[in-house]
Amino acid sequence: MSSTTRPVSIAEPLRAPLERAIPPRLAGPRSPGDRLAVLDGWRGISIISVLASHLLPLGPARWDLNRLAGPFGMAIVFTLSGFLITSNLLKTPDVRVFLIRRACRILPLAYLFMLAVLVVQGRDLRHYLAYLTFTVNYHQPDVTIRTMSPLWSLCVEVHFYLFAAMLVAVAGRRGLLILPVLALVVTGLRVAEGATLVIRTHLRVDEILAGASVALLHGWPRGQRVRDGIGRVHPLAWGILLAASCYPHPAVRPLNYVRPYLAGRWWPARSGAAPPDAGCFTGVFSSTSPILPMPSTWSTPWPWRAGSRPIRDWNGISSKGRSAS
């Protein structure tokens, strides 16, 4: 009597330990409301901008559009990251869960790529330490490997993940309230050093911190007034200002310092003006644009309120205020 044997994967011995290490809530399916489809569109725009800046001629060389597209895309990437990471920590302030998720998403492929390049190119110990510890953005240029030069941005991201996790571990959700202050401090350091576009974390992380500030603002009970004020500025004006803040020309140098905050323009034009399926991220499109749908059911808990009850939806309008009006 013959029996078929199920083939065993080489990863099978690791399955049980991993299942025991990862909390059940990590493996369970997420609700549809946890995913913001509109952000996928902006991720695509940011990736296309960065790739185009490296691979395509964007207009006449004298216009320097290639040098504009890269910072434009990275500003969107970083503010998106800051917004999402902070929102997740506000919703689920479990540092262990957060770090396991980040590690599983980033480390396997990152380390596989790094080790492959380092081994094939026969690099020395300095390169291994710089890349495997995610500190290459602080090393001298001679340590940078051209094949892996884009990994400086991953270093900035990892540093933010660890810092945000430390804040929550020490002070809970309330620890995240310091992030907007730190954004201004980092911007002040950039102004003091004349650093308009650098890769060192302490002079670039304000783009991520600006996105984190947006996540906090959307949960602040008085944040509606701020959003209304910003929403009165025409979206096209925001788009032009953001593009100018990425432009490498001395005439617009001061705008480079406010690039993080221009990239974080997420608010609708006015309270209740945007329909549930419309919105924008950077302001290039109108808040009533049908191009990028914006969900209105997503919400973020606010650390100043007891428990984890969502008090603000994506459009920044409280359920109580909406029914009252």
Protein backbone atom coordinates (compact mmCIF):
# COMPACT_ATOMS: atom_id res chain seq x y z
CA MET A 1 0.00 0.00 0.00
CA SER A 2 1.70 3.11 -1.20
CA SER A 3 1.40 6.48 0.45
CA THR A 4 2.45 9.83 -0.80
CA THR A 5 4.83 11.86 1.30
CA ARG A 6 4.44 15.58 1.51
CA PRO A 7 7.68 17.33 0.46
CA VAL A 8 9.36 19.09 3.34
CA SER A 9 10.55 22.63 2.81
CA ILE A 10 13.99 23.62 4.00
CA ALA A 11 12.25 26.24 6.11
CA GLU A 12 10.00 23.67 7.84
CA PRO A 13 12.23 23.30 10.96
CA LEU A 14 11.95 27.05 11.55
CA ARG A 15 8.16 27.19 11.29
CA ALA A 16 7.31 26.10 14.84
CA PRO A 17 9.78 28.41 16.63
CA LEU A 18 8.60 31.36 14.55
CA GLU A 19 4.95 30.61 15.23
CA ARG A 20 5.69 30.54 18.95
CA ALA A 21 7.68 33.78 18.82
CA ILE A 22 5.15 35.82 16.87
CA PRO A 23 2.03 36.87 18.82
CA PRO A 24 -1.28 35.59 17.34
CA ARG A 25 -2.44 39.12 16.57
CA LEU A 26 0.48 39.48 14.18
CA ALA A 27 -0.54 36.49 12.11
CA GLY A 28 -4.24 37.25 12.00
CA PRO A 29 -5.84 39.01 9.02
CA ARG A 30 -6.20 42.74 9.19
CA SER A 31 -9.51 44.47 8.72
CA PRO A 32 -10.08 46.19 5.36
CA GLY A 33 -10.18 49.56 7.12
CA ASP A 34 -6.56 49.18 8.22
CA ARG A 35 -5.32 49.58 4.66
CA LEU A 36 -5.26 52.96 2.98
CA ALA A 37 -5.39 52.29 -0.75
CA VAL A 38 -4.69 55.94 -1.54
CA LEU A 39 -1.24 55.61 0.00
CA ASP A 40 -0.33 52.90 -2.49
CA GLY A 41 -0.82 55.45 -5.25
CA TRP A 42 1.49 57.93 -3.56
CA ARG A 43 4.06 55.22 -2.93
CA GLY A 44 3.99 54.56 -6.66
CA ILE A 45 4.42 58.25 -7.47
CA SER A 46 7.35 58.53 -5.06
CA ILE A 47 9.07 55.41 -6.44
CA ILE A 48 8.59 56.56 -10.03
CA SER A 49 10.02 59.99 -9.13
CA VAL A 50 13.14 58.49 -7.53
CA LEU A 51 13.73 55.96 -10.32
CA ALA A 52 13.17 58.56 -13.01
CA SER A 53 15.67 60.90 -11.36
CA HIS A 54 18.35 58.20 -11.69
CA LEU A 55 17.42 56.52 -14.97
CA LEU A 56 15.69 59.01 -17.26
CA PRO A 57 16.50 62.43 -18.70
CA LEU A 58 13.79 64.71 -17.30
CA GLY A 59 13.73 67.74 -19.56
CA PRO A 60 16.69 69.84 -20.69
CA ALA A 61 19.80 69.41 -18.57
CA ARG A 62 19.90 73.12 -17.67
CA TRP A 63 16.56 72.77 -15.86
CA ASP A 64 18.01 70.28 -13.34
CA LEU A 65 14.72 68.37 -13.16
CA ASN A 66 16.51 65.12 -12.35
CA ARG A 67 17.91 66.71 -9.20
CA LEU A 68 14.39 67.84 -8.31
CA ALA A 69 12.58 64.53 -8.84
CA GLY A 70 14.76 62.54 -6.41
CA PRO A 71 14.21 64.73 -3.33
CA PHE A 72 10.54 65.09 -4.30
CA GLY A 73 10.05 61.33 -4.25
CA MET A 74 12.04 60.84 -1.05
CA ALA A 75 10.08 63.58 0.74
CA ILE A 76 6.88 61.68 -0.01
CA VAL A 77 8.42 58.35 1.01
CA PHE A 78 9.64 59.68 4.34
CA THR A 79 6.48 61.57 5.29
CA LEU A 80 4.38 58.53 4.39
CA SER A 81 6.60 56.37 6.56
CA GLY A 82 6.43 58.74 9.53
CA PHE A 83 2.66 58.97 9.25
CA LEU A 84 2.09 55.22 9.00
CA ILE A 85 4.57 54.18 11.68
CA THR A 86 3.26 56.72 14.18
CA SER A 87 -0.34 55.81 13.37
CA ASN A 88 0.41 52.13 13.95
CA LEU A 89 2.08 52.84 17.29
CA LEU A 90 -0.84 55.03 18.36
CA LYS A 91 -3.25 52.26 17.49
CA THR A 92 -1.17 49.36 18.85
CA PRO A 93 1.50 50.59 21.28
CA ASP A 94 3.07 47.14 21.60
CA VAL A 95 6.80 47.59 21.04
CA ARG A 96 7.48 43.87 20.68
CA VAL A 97 4.85 43.50 17.99
CA PHE A 98 6.08 46.61 16.21
CA LEU A 99 9.74 45.55 16.16
CA ILE A 100 8.96 42.00 15.01
CA ARG A 101 6.87 43.34 12.14
CA ARG A 102 9.58 45.79 11.08
CA ALA A 103 12.32 43.18 11.35
CA CYS A 104 10.40 40.57 9.35
CA ARG A 105 9.57 43.09 6.65
CA ILE A 106 13.02 44.67 6.26
CA LEU A 107 15.88 42.52 7.49
CA PRO A 108 15.67 39.29 5.43
CA LEU A 109 15.83 40.89 1.97
CA ALA A 110 18.06 43.77 3.08
CA TYR A 111 20.65 41.47 4.61
CA LEU A 112 20.45 39.04 1.69
CA PHE A 113 21.15 41.86 -0.76
CA MET A 114 23.90 43.39 1.37
CA LEU A 115 25.72 40.12 1.97
CA ALA A 116 25.50 39.15 -1.69
CA VAL A 117 27.08 42.43 -2.81
CA LEU A 118 29.70 42.46 -0.03
CA VAL A 119 30.78 38.87 -0.70
CA VAL A 120 30.85 39.18 -4.50
CA GLN A 121 32.84 42.41 -4.36
CA GLY A 122 35.19 41.10 -1.68
CA ARG A 123 34.73 44.02 0.70
CA ASP A 124 36.51 44.33 4.06
CA LEU A 125 35.21 44.41 7.62
CA ARG A 126 34.54 48.19 7.55
CA HIS A 127 31.95 47.74 4.83
CA TYR A 128 30.28 44.83 6.60
CA LEU A 129 29.95 46.84 9.82
CA ALA A 130 28.72 49.97 8.05
CA TYR A 131 25.97 48.21 6.12
CA LEU A 132 24.88 45.46 8.48
CA THR A 133 24.48 47.94 11.36
CA PHE A 134 22.62 50.45 9.15
CA THR A 135 25.12 53.22 9.85
CA VAL A 136 26.60 53.65 6.38
CA ASN A 137 25.01 57.10 6.08
CA TYR A 138 27.45 58.27 8.77
CA HIS A 139 30.59 56.79 7.23
CA GLN A 140 33.08 58.39 4.90
CA PRO A 141 32.36 58.27 1.15
CA ASP A 142 35.07 55.65 0.60
CA VAL A 143 32.93 53.14 2.50
CA THR A 144 29.89 53.71 0.29
CA ILE A 145 29.39 51.09 -2.40
CA ARG A 146 27.70 52.49 -5.48
CA THR A 147 25.58 49.36 -5.93
CA MET A 148 24.09 49.92 -2.48
CA SER A 149 24.16 53.71 -2.30
CA PRO A 150 20.33 54.02 -2.06
CA LEU A 151 20.42 52.15 1.26
CA TRP A 152 21.16 55.40 3.11
CA SER A 153 17.41 55.99 3.19
CA LEU A 154 16.84 52.61 4.84
CA CYS A 155 19.35 53.63 7.51
CA VAL A 156 17.31 56.77 8.27
CA GLU A 157 14.14 54.69 8.44
CA VAL A 158 15.65 52.09 10.78
CA HIS A 159 16.98 54.79 13.11
CA PHE A 160 13.49 56.28 13.32
CA TYR A 161 11.89 52.89 13.97
CA LEU A 162 14.22 52.21 16.89
CA PHE A 163 13.79 55.69 18.34
CA ALA A 164 10.00 55.59 18.10
CA ALA A 165 9.94 52.13 19.69
CA MET A 166 12.11 53.42 22.53
CA LEU A 167 9.74 56.35 23.13
CA VAL A 168 6.73 54.05 23.35
CA ALA A 169 8.58 51.56 25.55
CA VAL A 170 9.51 54.31 28.01
CA ALA A 171 6.45 56.55 27.99
CA GLY A 172 3.73 54.75 26.05
CA ARG A 173 1.69 56.64 23.44
CA ARG A 174 2.43 59.92 25.19
CA GLY A 175 6.10 59.55 24.31
CA LEU A 176 5.19 60.15 20.67
CA LEU A 177 4.06 63.69 21.51
CA ILE A 178 7.69 64.79 21.44
CA LEU A 179 8.07 63.97 17.74
CA PRO A 180 6.74 67.33 16.39
CA VAL A 181 9.16 69.15 18.69
CA LEU A 182 12.03 67.00 17.46
CA ALA A 183 11.03 67.76 13.87
CA LEU A 184 11.51 71.47 14.52
CA VAL A 185 14.79 70.81 16.33
CA VAL A 186 16.14 68.82 13.38
CA THR A 187 15.04 71.54 10.96
CA GLY A 188 16.78 74.10 13.16
CA LEU A 189 19.98 72.04 12.99
CA ARG A 190 19.71 71.91 9.21
CA VAL A 191 19.36 75.69 9.04
CA ALA A 192 22.31 76.17 11.40
CA GLU A 193 24.53 73.89 9.31
CA GLY A 194 23.18 74.94 5.92
CA ALA A 195 22.17 71.34 5.25
CA THR A 196 19.51 71.45 2.57
CA LEU A 197 19.86 67.88 1.32
CA VAL A 198 22.01 65.44 3.28
CA ILE A 199 21.81 61.75 4.16
CA ARG A 200 22.81 61.78 7.84
CA THR A 201 19.85 60.90 10.00
CA HIS A 202 19.98 63.85 12.40
CA LEU A 203 19.89 66.23 9.42
CA ARG A 204 17.26 64.42 7.33
CA VAL A 205 14.84 62.72 9.69
CA ASP A 206 12.62 65.81 9.95
CA GLU A 207 10.87 64.55 6.80
CA ILE A 208 9.82 61.41 8.69
CA LEU A 209 9.03 63.41 11.81
CA ALA A 210 6.78 65.71 9.78
CA GLY A 211 4.72 62.69 8.74
CA ALA A 212 4.59 61.60 12.38
CA SER A 213 3.31 65.06 13.29
CA VAL A 214 0.51 64.70 10.75
CA ALA A 215 -0.57 61.43 12.41
CA LEU A 216 -0.71 63.21 15.77
CA LEU A 217 -2.49 66.24 14.35
CA HIS A 218 -5.26 64.09 12.91
CA GLY A 219 -6.08 62.93 16.41
CA TRP A 220 -5.83 66.29 18.15
CA PRO A 221 -9.25 67.66 19.12
CA ARG A 222 -8.23 71.19 18.10
CA GLY A 223 -6.41 70.08 14.98
CA GLN A 224 -9.40 70.86 12.77
CA ARG A 225 -8.67 74.59 12.93
CA VAL A 226 -5.11 73.98 11.79
CA ARG A 227 -6.28 71.77 8.94
CA ASP A 228 -8.87 74.32 7.90
CA GLY A 229 -6.25 77.05 7.82
CA ILE A 230 -3.88 75.01 5.70
CA GLY A 231 -6.74 73.89 3.48
CA ARG A 232 -7.48 77.49 2.47
CA VAL A 233 -4.24 77.55 0.47
CA HIS A 234 -4.90 76.30 -3.06
CA PRO A 235 -3.55 72.75 -3.60
CA LEU A 236 -1.72 73.85 -6.74
CA ALA A 237 0.18 76.40 -4.67
CA TRP A 238 1.22 73.63 -2.28
CA GLY A 239 2.42 71.54 -5.21
CA ILE A 240 4.49 74.37 -6.64
CA LEU A 241 6.01 75.14 -3.25
CA LEU A 242 6.88 71.48 -2.68
CA ALA A 243 8.55 71.22 -6.08
CA ALA A 244 10.45 74.46 -5.44
CA SER A 245 11.61 73.15 -2.04
CA CYS A 246 13.27 70.24 -3.87
CA TYR A 247 14.91 72.41 -6.52
CA PRO A 248 18.71 72.79 -6.20
CA HIS A 249 18.90 76.51 -6.93
CA PRO A 250 20.23 79.21 -4.58
CA ALA A 251 17.16 81.38 -5.21
CA VAL A 252 14.87 78.85 -3.49
CA ARG A 253 17.37 77.61 -0.91
CA PRO A 254 15.26 78.74 2.11
CA LEU A 255 12.36 76.61 0.89
CA ASN A 256 14.55 73.50 1.20
CA TYR A 257 14.29 73.77 4.96
CA VAL A 258 10.49 73.55 4.97
CA ARG A 259 10.30 70.69 2.46
CA PRO A 260 9.25 68.16 5.16
CA TYR A 261 6.21 70.22 6.10
CA LEU A 262 5.19 70.92 2.52
CA ALA A 263 5.35 67.20 1.76
CA GLY A 264 3.04 66.51 4.67
CA ARG A 265 0.09 68.49 3.29
CA TRP A 266 -2.63 65.88 3.81
CA TRP A 267 -5.58 67.97 4.91
CA PRO A 268 -8.77 68.40 2.86
CA ALA A 269 -9.61 71.84 1.62
CA ARG A 270 -12.34 72.45 4.24
CA SER A 271 -14.21 70.56 6.91
CA GLY A 272 -16.49 68.09 5.18
CA ALA A 273 -15.64 69.49 1.75
CA ALA A 274 -14.00 66.34 0.47
CA PRO A 275 -16.27 63.40 -0.34
CA PRO A 276 -15.44 60.04 1.26
CA ASP A 277 -13.71 58.79 -1.85
CA ALA A 278 -11.55 61.81 -2.59
CA GLY A 279 -8.45 63.40 -1.18
CA CYS A 280 -4.82 64.25 -1.75
CA PHE A 281 -1.47 63.82 -0.11
CA THR A 282 0.95 66.48 -1.16
CA GLY A 283 -1.50 68.99 -2.51
CA VAL A 284 -0.57 68.51 -6.15
CA PHE A 285 -4.14 67.31 -6.73
CA SER A 286 -7.25 69.00 -5.42
CA SER A 287 -8.86 67.58 -2.31
CA THR A 288 -11.90 66.78 -4.42
CA SER A 289 -9.89 65.07 -7.10
CA PRO A 290 -11.39 61.73 -8.22
CA ILE A 291 -7.94 60.47 -9.19
CA LEU A 292 -6.83 59.20 -5.78
CA PRO A 293 -9.62 57.83 -3.54
CA MET A 294 -9.30 58.74 0.13
CA PRO A 295 -11.01 56.49 2.68
CA SER A 296 -12.99 58.30 5.37
CA THR A 297 -13.38 55.44 7.84
CA TRP A 298 -9.76 55.14 8.96
CA SER A 299 -9.06 56.55 12.40
CA THR A 300 -6.18 57.16 14.79
CA PRO A 301 -6.33 57.01 18.59
CA TRP A 302 -5.00 60.03 20.42
CA PRO A 303 -2.62 59.51 23.35
CA TRP A 304 -4.25 62.22 25.45
CA ARG A 305 -7.53 60.34 25.58
CA ALA A 306 -8.15 57.31 27.77
CA GLY A 307 -8.05 53.92 26.11
CA SER A 308 -7.73 53.41 22.39
CA ARG A 309 -11.05 54.82 21.20
CA PRO A 310 -10.67 56.43 17.77
CA ILE A 311 -11.77 60.05 17.95
CA ARG A 312 -10.87 61.39 14.54
CA ASP A 313 -11.48 59.99 11.09
CA TRP A 314 -9.30 60.48 8.02
CA ASN A 315 -10.98 63.74 7.09
CA GLY A 316 -10.30 65.08 10.56
CA ILE A 317 -13.94 65.41 11.54
CA SER A 318 -15.12 63.84 14.78
CA SER A 319 -18.19 61.65 14.63
CA LYS A 320 -19.79 63.75 17.35
CA GLY A 321 -19.10 66.99 15.52
CA ARG A 322 -20.41 65.58 12.25
CA SER A 323 -23.72 64.51 13.78
CA ALA A 324 -24.07 67.85 15.58
CA SER A 325 -23.61 69.75 12.38
